[in-house]
Amino acid sequence: MLDLFADEAPWQEPLAEGAVILRRFACADARQLLGQISLLADRSPFRQMVTPGGYTMSVAMTNCGDVGWTTDSHGYLYSPIDPLTSQPWPAMPTIFRELSDAASKAAGYPGFAPDACLINRYAVGAKLSLHQDKDELNLQQPIVSVSLGLPAVFQFGGLKRNDPLKRVMLEHGDVVVWGGASRLFYHGILPLKTGQHSATGEFRYNITFRHTR
């Protein structure tokens, strides 16, 4: 899988009111980001979480930061403790914070200071169903989402699940930022197609920054 535009300077594509795609914004940092993901996963391994309804997610996930997103029999929650290791989640790497700060400023959200970072690993066929990011107590802060590795089709809708969807291809180094009027828009990822990326092999990684409190 070749990144045909990997050498292009980053550019912006409006997605909706309050939402923008920063194309290739993270390409320069991709090697460092992936190295940090590997180190983080050594401490808090990737796992496929089970929803309160008993559904095993196809995406493998881990976290870093002050708190991490997880599930239990009662629902979805942010916790300072990794339930798999019974230890605090690893600290958020400096390169993560620097990228989040730069991307949020570029998208018009200065002062964003995430306390949680979700890291998703997509294998072939893995997907993320349409959902809203609404488990955070602070909904005034944006979401910053970084794509690494294989391309994937991102679905971005509206405030209702059945609102019309935009479908856009996200590629290595792309960053999506949404907040304001689109903060609670439904979104998801279609099943990952077979491919081979020079940096991630048969996988796609997604780093998502949130301010939860």
N, C-alpha and C. Protein backbone atom coordinates (compact mmCIF):
# COMPACT_ATOMS: atom_id res chain seq x y z
N MET A 1 0.85 -1.19 0.00
CA MET A 1 0.00 0.00 0.00
C MET A 1 0.89 1.24 0.00
N LEU A 2 0.83 2.02 -1.07
CA LEU A 2 1.67 3.19 -1.19
C LEU A 2 0.89 4.43 -0.76
N ASP A 3 1.56 5.34 -0.08
CA ASP A 3 0.98 6.64 0.23
C ASP A 3 1.33 7.57 -0.93
N LEU A 4 0.40 7.73 -1.87
CA LEU A 4 0.70 8.46 -3.08
C LEU A 4 0.98 9.93 -2.82
N PHE A 5 0.43 10.44 -1.69
CA PHE A 5 0.60 11.86 -1.39
C PHE A 5 1.44 12.08 -0.13
N ALA A 6 2.24 11.08 0.23
CA ALA A 6 2.98 11.15 1.49
C ALA A 6 3.93 12.33 1.55
N ASP A 7 4.43 12.78 0.39
CA ASP A 7 5.39 13.87 0.37
C ASP A 7 4.73 15.24 0.25
N GLU A 8 3.40 15.27 0.14
CA GLU A 8 2.68 16.53 0.04
C GLU A 8 2.73 17.27 1.37
N ALA A 9 2.75 18.62 1.31
CA ALA A 9 2.64 19.41 2.53
C ALA A 9 1.24 19.22 3.09
N PRO A 10 1.07 19.26 4.42
CA PRO A 10 -0.25 19.10 5.02
C PRO A 10 -1.23 20.16 4.51
N TRP A 11 -2.49 19.77 4.41
CA TRP A 11 -3.54 20.71 4.03
C TRP A 11 -4.81 20.37 4.80
N GLN A 12 -5.77 21.28 4.77
CA GLN A 12 -7.00 21.10 5.54
C GLN A 12 -8.20 20.88 4.62
N GLU A 13 -9.12 20.03 5.09
CA GLU A 13 -10.38 19.80 4.40
C GLU A 13 -11.52 19.97 5.40
N PRO A 14 -12.42 20.94 5.21
CA PRO A 14 -13.56 21.07 6.10
C PRO A 14 -14.43 19.81 6.03
N LEU A 15 -14.93 19.38 7.18
CA LEU A 15 -15.77 18.19 7.25
C LEU A 15 -17.21 18.54 7.63
N ALA A 16 -17.37 19.43 8.59
CA ALA A 16 -18.67 19.92 9.03
C ALA A 16 -18.40 21.16 9.88
N GLU A 17 -19.46 21.82 10.35
CA GLU A 17 -19.25 22.96 11.23
C GLU A 17 -18.52 22.51 12.49
N GLY A 18 -17.36 23.06 12.74
CA GLY A 18 -16.56 22.68 13.90
C GLY A 18 -15.68 21.47 13.69
N ALA A 19 -15.66 20.92 12.46
CA ALA A 19 -14.89 19.69 12.20
C ALA A 19 -14.02 19.88 10.96
N VAL A 20 -12.79 19.35 11.02
CA VAL A 20 -11.86 19.51 9.92
C VAL A 20 -10.94 18.29 9.86
N ILE A 21 -10.51 17.95 8.64
CA ILE A 21 -9.48 16.93 8.44
C ILE A 21 -8.16 17.64 8.14
N LEU A 22 -7.15 17.36 8.94
CA LEU A 22 -5.81 17.89 8.71
C LEU A 22 -5.01 16.80 7.99
N ARG A 23 -5.00 16.90 6.69
CA ARG A 23 -4.37 15.85 5.88
C ARG A 23 -2.85 15.85 6.08
N ARG A 24 -2.31 14.66 6.33
CA ARG A 24 -0.87 14.39 6.45
C ARG A 24 -0.23 15.14 7.63
N PHE A 25 -1.04 15.65 8.53
CA PHE A 25 -0.52 16.48 9.62
C PHE A 25 0.45 15.73 10.52
N ALA A 26 0.25 14.42 10.70
CA ALA A 26 1.08 13.65 11.62
C ALA A 26 2.16 12.82 10.91
N CYS A 27 2.32 13.00 9.62
CA CYS A 27 3.29 12.16 8.89
C CYS A 27 4.71 12.31 9.43
N ALA A 28 5.10 13.53 9.72
CA ALA A 28 6.48 13.75 10.17
C ALA A 28 6.77 13.08 11.50
N ASP A 29 5.74 12.87 12.31
CA ASP A 29 5.91 12.27 13.64
C ASP A 29 5.54 10.80 13.68
N ALA A 30 5.15 10.24 12.55
CA ALA A 30 4.57 8.89 12.55
C ALA A 30 5.50 7.84 13.14
N ARG A 31 6.78 7.87 12.79
CA ARG A 31 7.70 6.86 13.28
C ARG A 31 7.79 6.91 14.81
N GLN A 32 7.89 8.12 15.37
CA GLN A 32 7.95 8.27 16.82
C GLN A 32 6.64 7.83 17.48
N LEU A 33 5.53 8.20 16.88
CA LEU A 33 4.23 7.82 17.44
C LEU A 33 4.08 6.31 17.51
N LEU A 34 4.46 5.63 16.43
CA LEU A 34 4.33 4.18 16.41
C LEU A 34 5.29 3.52 17.40
N GLY A 35 6.48 4.09 17.55
CA GLY A 35 7.41 3.57 18.54
C GLY A 35 6.86 3.69 19.95
N GLN A 36 6.21 4.81 20.24
CA GLN A 36 5.61 5.00 21.56
C GLN A 36 4.43 4.07 21.77
N ILE A 37 3.65 3.82 20.73
CA ILE A 37 2.53 2.88 20.84
C ILE A 37 3.04 1.50 21.25
N SER A 38 4.15 1.07 20.65
CA SER A 38 4.72 -0.23 21.00
C SER A 38 5.14 -0.28 22.46
N LEU A 39 5.77 0.79 22.93
CA LEU A 39 6.20 0.83 24.33
C LEU A 39 5.00 0.84 25.28
N LEU A 40 3.98 1.60 24.93
CA LEU A 40 2.78 1.67 25.77
C LEU A 40 2.09 0.32 25.84
N ALA A 41 2.04 -0.39 24.70
CA ALA A 41 1.38 -1.69 24.67
C ALA A 41 2.15 -2.75 25.45
N ASP A 42 3.45 -2.55 25.62
CA ASP A 42 4.21 -3.46 26.47
C ASP A 42 3.75 -3.36 27.93
N ARG A 43 3.32 -2.18 28.34
CA ARG A 43 2.89 -1.96 29.72
C ARG A 43 1.40 -2.22 29.92
N SER A 44 0.60 -1.76 28.95
CA SER A 44 -0.85 -1.98 29.00
C SER A 44 -1.25 -2.59 27.66
N PRO A 45 -1.28 -3.93 27.57
CA PRO A 45 -1.47 -4.60 26.28
C PRO A 45 -2.80 -4.27 25.61
N PHE A 46 -2.79 -4.39 24.29
CA PHE A 46 -4.04 -4.27 23.55
C PHE A 46 -4.98 -5.40 23.96
N ARG A 47 -6.27 -5.07 24.01
CA ARG A 47 -7.29 -6.07 24.32
C ARG A 47 -8.58 -5.70 23.61
N GLN A 48 -9.41 -6.70 23.32
CA GLN A 48 -10.72 -6.46 22.72
C GLN A 48 -11.75 -6.39 23.85
N MET A 49 -12.22 -5.19 24.10
CA MET A 49 -13.13 -4.99 25.21
C MET A 49 -14.52 -5.54 24.90
N VAL A 50 -15.22 -5.89 25.96
CA VAL A 50 -16.58 -6.43 25.84
C VAL A 50 -17.55 -5.35 26.31
N THR A 51 -18.54 -5.04 25.49
CA THR A 51 -19.51 -4.02 25.83
C THR A 51 -20.44 -4.52 26.94
N PRO A 52 -21.15 -3.61 27.60
CA PRO A 52 -22.10 -4.05 28.64
C PRO A 52 -23.14 -5.04 28.12
N GLY A 53 -23.43 -4.98 26.82
CA GLY A 53 -24.39 -5.91 26.24
C GLY A 53 -23.80 -7.26 25.87
N GLY A 54 -22.49 -7.45 26.13
CA GLY A 54 -21.86 -8.74 25.86
C GLY A 54 -21.22 -8.85 24.50
N TYR A 55 -21.14 -7.76 23.75
CA TYR A 55 -20.54 -7.77 22.42
C TYR A 55 -19.03 -7.53 22.52
N THR A 56 -18.23 -8.41 21.91
CA THR A 56 -16.78 -8.23 21.89
C THR A 56 -16.40 -7.32 20.72
N MET A 57 -15.77 -6.22 21.03
CA MET A 57 -15.39 -5.27 20.00
C MET A 57 -14.34 -5.87 19.07
N SER A 58 -14.46 -5.60 17.78
CA SER A 58 -13.48 -6.12 16.82
C SER A 58 -12.18 -5.35 16.87
N VAL A 59 -12.23 -4.12 17.36
CA VAL A 59 -11.03 -3.28 17.50
C VAL A 59 -10.33 -3.63 18.81
N ALA A 60 -9.01 -3.77 18.77
CA ALA A 60 -8.22 -3.95 19.99
C ALA A 60 -7.83 -2.58 20.51
N MET A 61 -7.82 -2.42 21.83
CA MET A 61 -7.66 -1.10 22.41
C MET A 61 -6.74 -1.11 23.63
N THR A 62 -6.06 0.01 23.82
CA THR A 62 -5.38 0.31 25.07
C THR A 62 -5.46 1.82 25.28
N ASN A 63 -4.89 2.32 26.38
CA ASN A 63 -4.98 3.74 26.72
C ASN A 63 -3.69 4.23 27.33
N CYS A 64 -3.55 5.54 27.36
CA CYS A 64 -2.52 6.18 28.17
C CYS A 64 -3.08 7.52 28.64
N GLY A 65 -2.42 8.09 29.66
CA GLY A 65 -2.90 9.35 30.21
C GLY A 65 -3.36 9.19 31.65
N ASP A 66 -3.97 10.24 32.17
CA ASP A 66 -4.44 10.22 33.55
C ASP A 66 -5.55 9.21 33.76
N VAL A 67 -6.40 9.06 32.75
CA VAL A 67 -7.48 8.08 32.79
C VAL A 67 -7.57 7.37 31.45
N GLY A 68 -8.21 6.20 31.44
CA GLY A 68 -8.40 5.45 30.21
C GLY A 68 -9.85 5.03 30.08
N TRP A 69 -10.30 4.92 28.83
CA TRP A 69 -11.67 4.51 28.55
C TRP A 69 -11.76 2.99 28.61
N THR A 70 -12.74 2.50 29.31
CA THR A 70 -12.91 1.05 29.42
C THR A 70 -14.38 0.71 29.62
N THR A 71 -14.69 -0.56 29.78
CA THR A 71 -16.06 -1.01 29.95
C THR A 71 -16.14 -1.96 31.13
N ASP A 72 -17.35 -2.05 31.70
CA ASP A 72 -17.64 -3.11 32.65
C ASP A 72 -19.09 -3.50 32.47
N SER A 73 -19.63 -4.33 33.35
CA SER A 73 -20.99 -4.83 33.18
C SER A 73 -22.04 -3.74 33.31
N HIS A 74 -21.63 -2.58 33.84
CA HIS A 74 -22.59 -1.50 34.07
C HIS A 74 -22.59 -0.45 32.96
N GLY A 75 -21.51 -0.37 32.21
CA GLY A 75 -21.46 0.64 31.16
C GLY A 75 -20.05 0.99 30.76
N TYR A 76 -19.91 2.19 30.21
CA TYR A 76 -18.62 2.69 29.75
C TYR A 76 -18.13 3.73 30.76
N LEU A 77 -16.83 3.76 31.00
CA LEU A 77 -16.32 4.67 32.00
C LEU A 77 -14.87 5.02 31.74
N TYR A 78 -14.43 6.12 32.36
CA TYR A 78 -13.02 6.48 32.39
C TYR A 78 -12.49 6.14 33.76
N SER A 79 -11.37 5.43 33.79
CA SER A 79 -10.79 4.98 35.04
C SER A 79 -9.29 5.26 35.05
N PRO A 80 -8.72 5.62 36.20
CA PRO A 80 -7.26 5.82 36.27
C PRO A 80 -6.49 4.51 36.29
N ILE A 81 -7.19 3.38 36.45
CA ILE A 81 -6.55 2.07 36.57
C ILE A 81 -6.89 1.19 35.38
N ASP A 82 -5.87 0.56 34.82
CA ASP A 82 -6.07 -0.42 33.75
C ASP A 82 -6.60 -1.70 34.39
N PRO A 83 -7.82 -2.12 34.05
CA PRO A 83 -8.37 -3.33 34.70
C PRO A 83 -7.63 -4.61 34.33
N LEU A 84 -6.88 -4.59 33.23
CA LEU A 84 -6.15 -5.78 32.82
C LEU A 84 -4.89 -5.98 33.66
N THR A 85 -4.21 -4.89 34.00
CA THR A 85 -2.95 -4.98 34.76
C THR A 85 -3.10 -4.57 36.22
N SER A 86 -4.24 -3.96 36.56
CA SER A 86 -4.49 -3.42 37.91
C SER A 86 -3.46 -2.35 38.29
N GLN A 87 -2.88 -1.71 37.28
CA GLN A 87 -1.92 -0.63 37.47
C GLN A 87 -2.44 0.64 36.80
N PRO A 88 -1.93 1.81 37.20
CA PRO A 88 -2.32 3.03 36.47
C PRO A 88 -1.96 2.92 35.00
N TRP A 89 -2.75 3.58 34.16
CA TRP A 89 -2.40 3.62 32.74
C TRP A 89 -1.05 4.31 32.57
N PRO A 90 -0.29 3.98 31.55
CA PRO A 90 0.98 4.67 31.31
C PRO A 90 0.75 6.17 31.06
N ALA A 91 1.74 6.96 31.41
CA ALA A 91 1.66 8.40 31.16
C ALA A 91 1.62 8.67 29.65
N MET A 92 1.01 9.77 29.29
CA MET A 92 0.93 10.15 27.89
C MET A 92 2.30 10.65 27.42
N PRO A 93 2.86 10.07 26.37
CA PRO A 93 4.18 10.49 25.90
C PRO A 93 4.18 11.96 25.46
N THR A 94 5.33 12.59 25.58
CA THR A 94 5.46 13.99 25.20
C THR A 94 5.10 14.22 23.74
N ILE A 95 5.51 13.32 22.85
CA ILE A 95 5.21 13.49 21.42
C ILE A 95 3.71 13.45 21.17
N PHE A 96 2.97 12.69 21.98
CA PHE A 96 1.52 12.67 21.87
C PHE A 96 0.94 14.03 22.23
N ARG A 97 1.40 14.58 23.36
CA ARG A 97 0.87 15.87 23.82
C ARG A 97 1.22 16.99 22.83
N GLU A 98 2.41 16.95 22.30
CA GLU A 98 2.82 17.98 21.34
C GLU A 98 1.97 17.91 20.08
N LEU A 99 1.70 16.71 19.58
CA LEU A 99 0.89 16.57 18.39
C LEU A 99 -0.55 17.01 18.64
N SER A 100 -1.10 16.61 19.77
CA SER A 100 -2.46 17.01 20.12
C SER A 100 -2.59 18.52 20.22
N ASP A 101 -1.61 19.15 20.83
CA ASP A 101 -1.63 20.60 20.98
C ASP A 101 -1.56 21.28 19.62
N ALA A 102 -0.65 20.82 18.77
CA ALA A 102 -0.49 21.44 17.45
C ALA A 102 -1.73 21.24 16.58
N ALA A 103 -2.30 20.04 16.61
CA ALA A 103 -3.47 19.75 15.78
C ALA A 103 -4.69 20.54 16.24
N SER A 104 -4.91 20.60 17.54
CA SER A 104 -6.07 21.33 18.04
C SER A 104 -5.96 22.82 17.72
N LYS A 105 -4.76 23.38 17.83
CA LYS A 105 -4.57 24.79 17.46
C LYS A 105 -4.83 25.00 15.98
N ALA A 106 -4.32 24.10 15.14
CA ALA A 106 -4.51 24.23 13.69
C ALA A 106 -5.98 24.16 13.31
N ALA A 107 -6.77 23.43 14.11
CA ALA A 107 -8.19 23.28 13.83
C ALA A 107 -9.05 24.35 14.48
N GLY A 108 -8.42 25.27 15.23
CA GLY A 108 -9.16 26.35 15.84
C GLY A 108 -9.62 26.11 17.26
N TYR A 109 -8.94 25.18 17.95
CA TYR A 109 -9.28 24.87 19.34
C TYR A 109 -8.03 25.01 20.23
N PRO A 110 -7.54 26.23 20.43
CA PRO A 110 -6.36 26.41 21.28
C PRO A 110 -6.68 26.10 22.74
N GLY A 111 -5.67 25.68 23.47
CA GLY A 111 -5.86 25.41 24.89
C GLY A 111 -6.37 24.03 25.21
N PHE A 112 -6.47 23.16 24.22
CA PHE A 112 -6.93 21.79 24.46
C PHE A 112 -5.85 21.02 25.21
N ALA A 113 -6.21 20.45 26.34
CA ALA A 113 -5.26 19.71 27.18
C ALA A 113 -5.87 18.35 27.53
N PRO A 114 -5.66 17.33 26.71
CA PRO A 114 -6.29 16.03 26.95
C PRO A 114 -5.75 15.34 28.19
N ASP A 115 -6.63 14.65 28.89
CA ASP A 115 -6.20 13.83 30.02
C ASP A 115 -6.34 12.34 29.73
N ALA A 116 -6.89 12.01 28.55
CA ALA A 116 -7.06 10.61 28.15
C ALA A 116 -6.67 10.45 26.69
N CYS A 117 -6.07 9.33 26.38
CA CYS A 117 -5.69 9.00 25.01
C CYS A 117 -6.04 7.54 24.75
N LEU A 118 -6.98 7.32 23.85
CA LEU A 118 -7.36 5.96 23.45
C LEU A 118 -6.54 5.56 22.23
N ILE A 119 -6.04 4.34 22.23
CA ILE A 119 -5.26 3.83 21.11
C ILE A 119 -5.96 2.58 20.59
N ASN A 120 -6.43 2.64 19.35
CA ASN A 120 -7.13 1.52 18.73
C ASN A 120 -6.24 0.86 17.68
N ARG A 121 -6.28 -0.46 17.64
CA ARG A 121 -5.57 -1.22 16.61
C ARG A 121 -6.59 -1.99 15.78
N TYR A 122 -6.61 -1.71 14.48
CA TYR A 122 -7.54 -2.35 13.57
C TYR A 122 -6.81 -3.42 12.76
N ALA A 123 -7.29 -4.65 12.84
CA ALA A 123 -6.85 -5.70 11.93
C ALA A 123 -7.84 -5.74 10.77
N VAL A 124 -7.54 -6.52 9.76
CA VAL A 124 -8.44 -6.63 8.61
C VAL A 124 -9.83 -7.07 9.09
N GLY A 125 -10.85 -6.35 8.66
CA GLY A 125 -12.22 -6.67 9.04
C GLY A 125 -12.70 -5.95 10.28
N ALA A 126 -11.78 -5.38 11.07
CA ALA A 126 -12.19 -4.66 12.27
C ALA A 126 -12.91 -3.37 11.89
N LYS A 127 -13.87 -2.96 12.71
CA LYS A 127 -14.66 -1.77 12.43
C LYS A 127 -15.03 -1.10 13.74
N LEU A 128 -15.60 0.09 13.63
CA LEU A 128 -16.15 0.79 14.78
C LEU A 128 -17.53 1.29 14.37
N SER A 129 -18.55 0.74 15.01
CA SER A 129 -19.92 1.08 14.66
C SER A 129 -20.21 2.55 14.97
N LEU A 130 -21.24 3.08 14.33
CA LEU A 130 -21.62 4.47 14.57
C LEU A 130 -21.88 4.70 16.06
N HIS A 131 -21.31 5.76 16.59
CA HIS A 131 -21.47 6.07 18.01
C HIS A 131 -21.19 7.55 18.24
N GLN A 132 -21.56 8.04 19.40
CA GLN A 132 -21.22 9.38 19.84
C GLN A 132 -20.17 9.28 20.95
N ASP A 133 -19.24 10.22 20.97
CA ASP A 133 -18.30 10.30 22.08
C ASP A 133 -18.95 11.18 23.15
N LYS A 134 -19.64 10.54 24.09
CA LYS A 134 -20.42 11.30 25.07
C LYS A 134 -20.17 10.83 26.50
N ASP A 135 -19.10 10.05 26.72
CA ASP A 135 -18.79 9.58 28.07
C ASP A 135 -17.95 10.60 28.84
N GLU A 136 -17.53 11.67 28.18
CA GLU A 136 -16.73 12.70 28.82
C GLU A 136 -17.64 13.67 29.57
N LEU A 137 -17.19 14.13 30.73
CA LEU A 137 -17.96 15.11 31.48
C LEU A 137 -17.87 16.49 30.84
N ASN A 138 -16.77 16.76 30.16
CA ASN A 138 -16.55 18.05 29.52
C ASN A 138 -16.76 17.90 28.02
N LEU A 139 -17.92 18.35 27.53
CA LEU A 139 -18.21 18.25 26.11
C LEU A 139 -17.89 19.53 25.36
N GLN A 140 -17.25 20.49 26.05
CA GLN A 140 -16.85 21.73 25.41
C GLN A 140 -15.51 21.59 24.70
N GLN A 141 -14.80 20.50 25.00
CA GLN A 141 -13.49 20.27 24.40
C GLN A 141 -13.62 19.38 23.17
N PRO A 142 -12.75 19.55 22.18
CA PRO A 142 -12.84 18.77 20.95
C PRO A 142 -12.30 17.35 21.12
N ILE A 143 -12.48 16.58 20.07
CA ILE A 143 -11.84 15.27 19.91
C ILE A 143 -10.75 15.44 18.86
N VAL A 144 -9.58 14.89 19.12
CA VAL A 144 -8.48 14.91 18.15
C VAL A 144 -8.12 13.46 17.85
N SER A 145 -8.23 13.06 16.58
CA SER A 145 -8.10 11.65 16.19
C SER A 145 -7.06 11.51 15.09
N VAL A 146 -6.03 10.69 15.35
CA VAL A 146 -4.89 10.53 14.45
C VAL A 146 -4.91 9.14 13.80
N SER A 147 -4.76 9.10 12.48
CA SER A 147 -4.74 7.84 11.73
C SER A 147 -3.31 7.47 11.33
N LEU A 148 -2.94 6.21 11.54
CA LEU A 148 -1.62 5.72 11.16
C LEU A 148 -1.77 4.35 10.50
N GLY A 149 -1.04 4.15 9.42
CA GLY A 149 -1.05 2.83 8.78
C GLY A 149 -2.06 2.73 7.65
N LEU A 150 -2.71 1.58 7.55
CA LEU A 150 -3.63 1.33 6.45
C LEU A 150 -4.76 2.35 6.41
N PRO A 151 -5.22 2.68 5.21
CA PRO A 151 -6.34 3.61 5.09
C PRO A 151 -7.65 2.98 5.53
N ALA A 152 -8.58 3.82 5.94
CA ALA A 152 -9.89 3.35 6.38
C ALA A 152 -10.94 4.38 6.01
N VAL A 153 -12.17 3.92 5.84
CA VAL A 153 -13.28 4.82 5.51
C VAL A 153 -13.93 5.29 6.81
N PHE A 154 -13.89 6.60 7.00
CA PHE A 154 -14.45 7.26 8.19
C PHE A 154 -15.85 7.75 7.85
N GLN A 155 -16.81 7.40 8.71
CA GLN A 155 -18.18 7.87 8.54
C GLN A 155 -18.46 8.97 9.55
N PHE A 156 -19.03 10.07 9.08
CA PHE A 156 -19.31 11.21 9.95
C PHE A 156 -20.72 11.70 9.63
N GLY A 157 -21.60 11.65 10.64
CA GLY A 157 -23.00 11.96 10.40
C GLY A 157 -23.47 13.22 11.08
N GLY A 158 -24.49 13.09 11.92
CA GLY A 158 -25.06 14.23 12.61
C GLY A 158 -25.43 13.86 14.03
N LEU A 159 -26.33 14.61 14.61
CA LEU A 159 -26.71 14.40 16.01
C LEU A 159 -27.64 13.21 16.19
N LYS A 160 -28.23 12.72 15.08
CA LYS A 160 -29.08 11.55 15.14
C LYS A 160 -28.41 10.40 14.39
N ARG A 161 -28.64 9.19 14.88
CA ARG A 161 -27.99 8.03 14.26
C ARG A 161 -28.35 7.88 12.78
N ASN A 162 -29.58 8.27 12.42
CA ASN A 162 -30.03 8.08 11.04
C ASN A 162 -29.82 9.32 10.17
N ASP A 163 -29.06 10.31 10.66
CA ASP A 163 -28.72 11.45 9.82
C ASP A 163 -27.83 11.01 8.66
N PRO A 164 -27.87 11.74 7.54
CA PRO A 164 -27.01 11.39 6.40
C PRO A 164 -25.54 11.34 6.81
N LEU A 165 -24.81 10.42 6.19
CA LEU A 165 -23.41 10.21 6.52
C LEU A 165 -22.49 10.71 5.41
N LYS A 166 -21.39 11.35 5.82
CA LYS A 166 -20.30 11.59 4.91
C LYS A 166 -19.31 10.44 5.08
N ARG A 167 -18.77 9.96 3.98
CA ARG A 167 -17.76 8.90 4.02
C ARG A 167 -16.48 9.42 3.38
N VAL A 168 -15.41 9.45 4.15
CA VAL A 168 -14.13 9.96 3.66
C VAL A 168 -13.03 8.96 3.98
N MET A 169 -12.07 8.87 3.09
CA MET A 169 -10.93 8.00 3.31
C MET A 169 -9.90 8.71 4.17
N LEU A 170 -9.51 8.04 5.27
CA LEU A 170 -8.45 8.56 6.12
C LEU A 170 -7.19 7.73 5.87
N GLU A 171 -6.09 8.41 5.65
CA GLU A 171 -4.83 7.74 5.33
C GLU A 171 -3.76 8.07 6.37
N HIS A 172 -2.63 7.46 6.19
CA HIS A 172 -1.51 7.57 7.13
C HIS A 172 -1.15 9.03 7.39
N GLY A 173 -1.21 9.43 8.66
CA GLY A 173 -0.84 10.79 9.03
C GLY A 173 -1.98 11.77 9.09
N ASP A 174 -3.18 11.38 8.64
CA ASP A 174 -4.32 12.28 8.69
C ASP A 174 -4.81 12.45 10.13
N VAL A 175 -5.26 13.65 10.45
CA VAL A 175 -5.79 13.96 11.78
C VAL A 175 -7.17 14.60 11.61
N VAL A 176 -8.18 14.06 12.30
CA VAL A 176 -9.52 14.65 12.29
C VAL A 176 -9.75 15.31 13.64
N VAL A 177 -10.24 16.53 13.61
CA VAL A 177 -10.56 17.27 14.83
C VAL A 177 -12.01 17.72 14.73
N TRP A 178 -12.80 17.40 15.75
CA TRP A 178 -14.18 17.90 15.74
C TRP A 178 -14.61 18.32 17.15
N GLY A 179 -15.39 19.41 17.17
CA GLY A 179 -15.88 19.96 18.43
C GLY A 179 -17.00 20.94 18.13
N GLY A 180 -17.33 21.77 19.08
CA GLY A 180 -18.36 22.77 18.86
C GLY A 180 -19.67 22.15 18.41
N ALA A 181 -20.21 22.63 17.29
CA ALA A 181 -21.50 22.16 16.79
C ALA A 181 -21.51 20.68 16.42
N SER A 182 -20.34 20.12 16.11
CA SER A 182 -20.27 18.72 15.68
C SER A 182 -19.71 17.79 16.75
N ARG A 183 -19.53 18.30 17.97
CA ARG A 183 -18.88 17.51 19.02
C ARG A 183 -19.58 16.17 19.27
N LEU A 184 -20.91 16.14 19.18
CA LEU A 184 -21.65 14.91 19.45
C LEU A 184 -22.17 14.25 18.19
N PHE A 185 -21.56 14.54 17.07
CA PHE A 185 -21.98 13.89 15.83
C PHE A 185 -21.61 12.40 15.86
N TYR A 186 -22.52 11.58 15.32
CA TYR A 186 -22.24 10.15 15.19
C TYR A 186 -21.11 9.93 14.18
N HIS A 187 -20.27 8.94 14.46
CA HIS A 187 -19.15 8.64 13.58
C HIS A 187 -18.74 7.19 13.76
N GLY A 188 -17.97 6.67 12.83
CA GLY A 188 -17.52 5.28 12.91
C GLY A 188 -16.53 4.98 11.80
N ILE A 189 -16.05 3.75 11.79
CA ILE A 189 -15.09 3.28 10.79
C ILE A 189 -15.64 2.02 10.14
N LEU A 190 -15.68 2.00 8.80
CA LEU A 190 -16.11 0.80 8.09
C LEU A 190 -15.04 -0.30 8.22
N PRO A 191 -15.43 -1.57 8.00
CA PRO A 191 -14.45 -2.67 8.15
C PRO A 191 -13.17 -2.42 7.36
N LEU A 192 -12.04 -2.62 8.02
CA LEU A 192 -10.74 -2.39 7.40
C LEU A 192 -10.49 -3.41 6.30
N LYS A 193 -10.06 -2.91 5.15
CA LYS A 193 -9.78 -3.79 4.01
C LYS A 193 -8.35 -4.30 4.06
N THR A 194 -8.14 -5.43 3.41
CA THR A 194 -6.81 -6.04 3.35
C THR A 194 -5.82 -5.09 2.68
N GLY A 195 -4.63 -5.02 3.24
CA GLY A 195 -3.59 -4.18 2.66
C GLY A 195 -2.28 -4.40 3.38
N GLN A 196 -1.26 -3.71 2.93
CA GLN A 196 0.06 -3.79 3.54
C GLN A 196 0.64 -2.39 3.56
N HIS A 197 0.97 -1.90 4.76
CA HIS A 197 1.55 -0.57 4.87
C HIS A 197 2.99 -0.70 5.35
N SER A 198 3.86 0.13 4.81
CA SER A 198 5.29 0.02 5.13
C SER A 198 5.58 0.28 6.60
N ALA A 199 4.74 1.05 7.28
CA ALA A 199 5.00 1.40 8.67
C ALA A 199 4.29 0.50 9.67
N THR A 200 3.15 -0.08 9.27
CA THR A 200 2.32 -0.82 10.23
C THR A 200 1.91 -2.22 9.76
N GLY A 201 2.42 -2.64 8.61
CA GLY A 201 2.05 -3.97 8.11
C GLY A 201 0.58 -4.06 7.77
N GLU A 202 -0.11 -5.03 8.35
CA GLU A 202 -1.51 -5.29 8.03
C GLU A 202 -2.48 -4.57 8.98
N PHE A 203 -2.00 -3.57 9.67
CA PHE A 203 -2.82 -2.92 10.69
C PHE A 203 -3.02 -1.42 10.42
N ARG A 204 -4.05 -0.90 11.04
CA ARG A 204 -4.26 0.54 11.15
C ARG A 204 -4.30 0.87 12.64
N TYR A 205 -3.67 1.97 13.02
CA TYR A 205 -3.72 2.46 14.40
C TYR A 205 -4.41 3.81 14.42
N ASN A 206 -5.14 4.05 15.47
CA ASN A 206 -5.83 5.31 15.66
C ASN A 206 -5.57 5.80 17.08
N ILE A 207 -5.09 7.03 17.20
CA ILE A 207 -4.83 7.65 18.50
C ILE A 207 -5.87 8.75 18.69
N THR A 208 -6.66 8.67 19.74
CA THR A 208 -7.72 9.64 19.96
C THR A 208 -7.54 10.33 21.31
N PHE A 209 -7.45 11.66 21.26
CA PHE A 209 -7.23 12.46 22.46
C PHE A 209 -8.55 13.06 22.93
N ARG A 210 -8.79 13.01 24.26
CA ARG A 210 -10.00 13.57 24.83
C ARG A 210 -9.68 14.28 26.14
N HIS A 211 -10.52 15.27 26.46
CA HIS A 211 -10.50 15.90 27.79
C HIS A 211 -11.77 15.44 28.48
N THR A 212 -11.63 14.70 29.54
CA THR A 212 -12.79 13.99 30.11
C THR A 212 -13.47 14.71 31.25
N ARG A 213 -12.76 15.67 31.90
CA ARG A 213 -13.30 16.22 33.15
C ARG A 213 -13.55 17.72 33.06
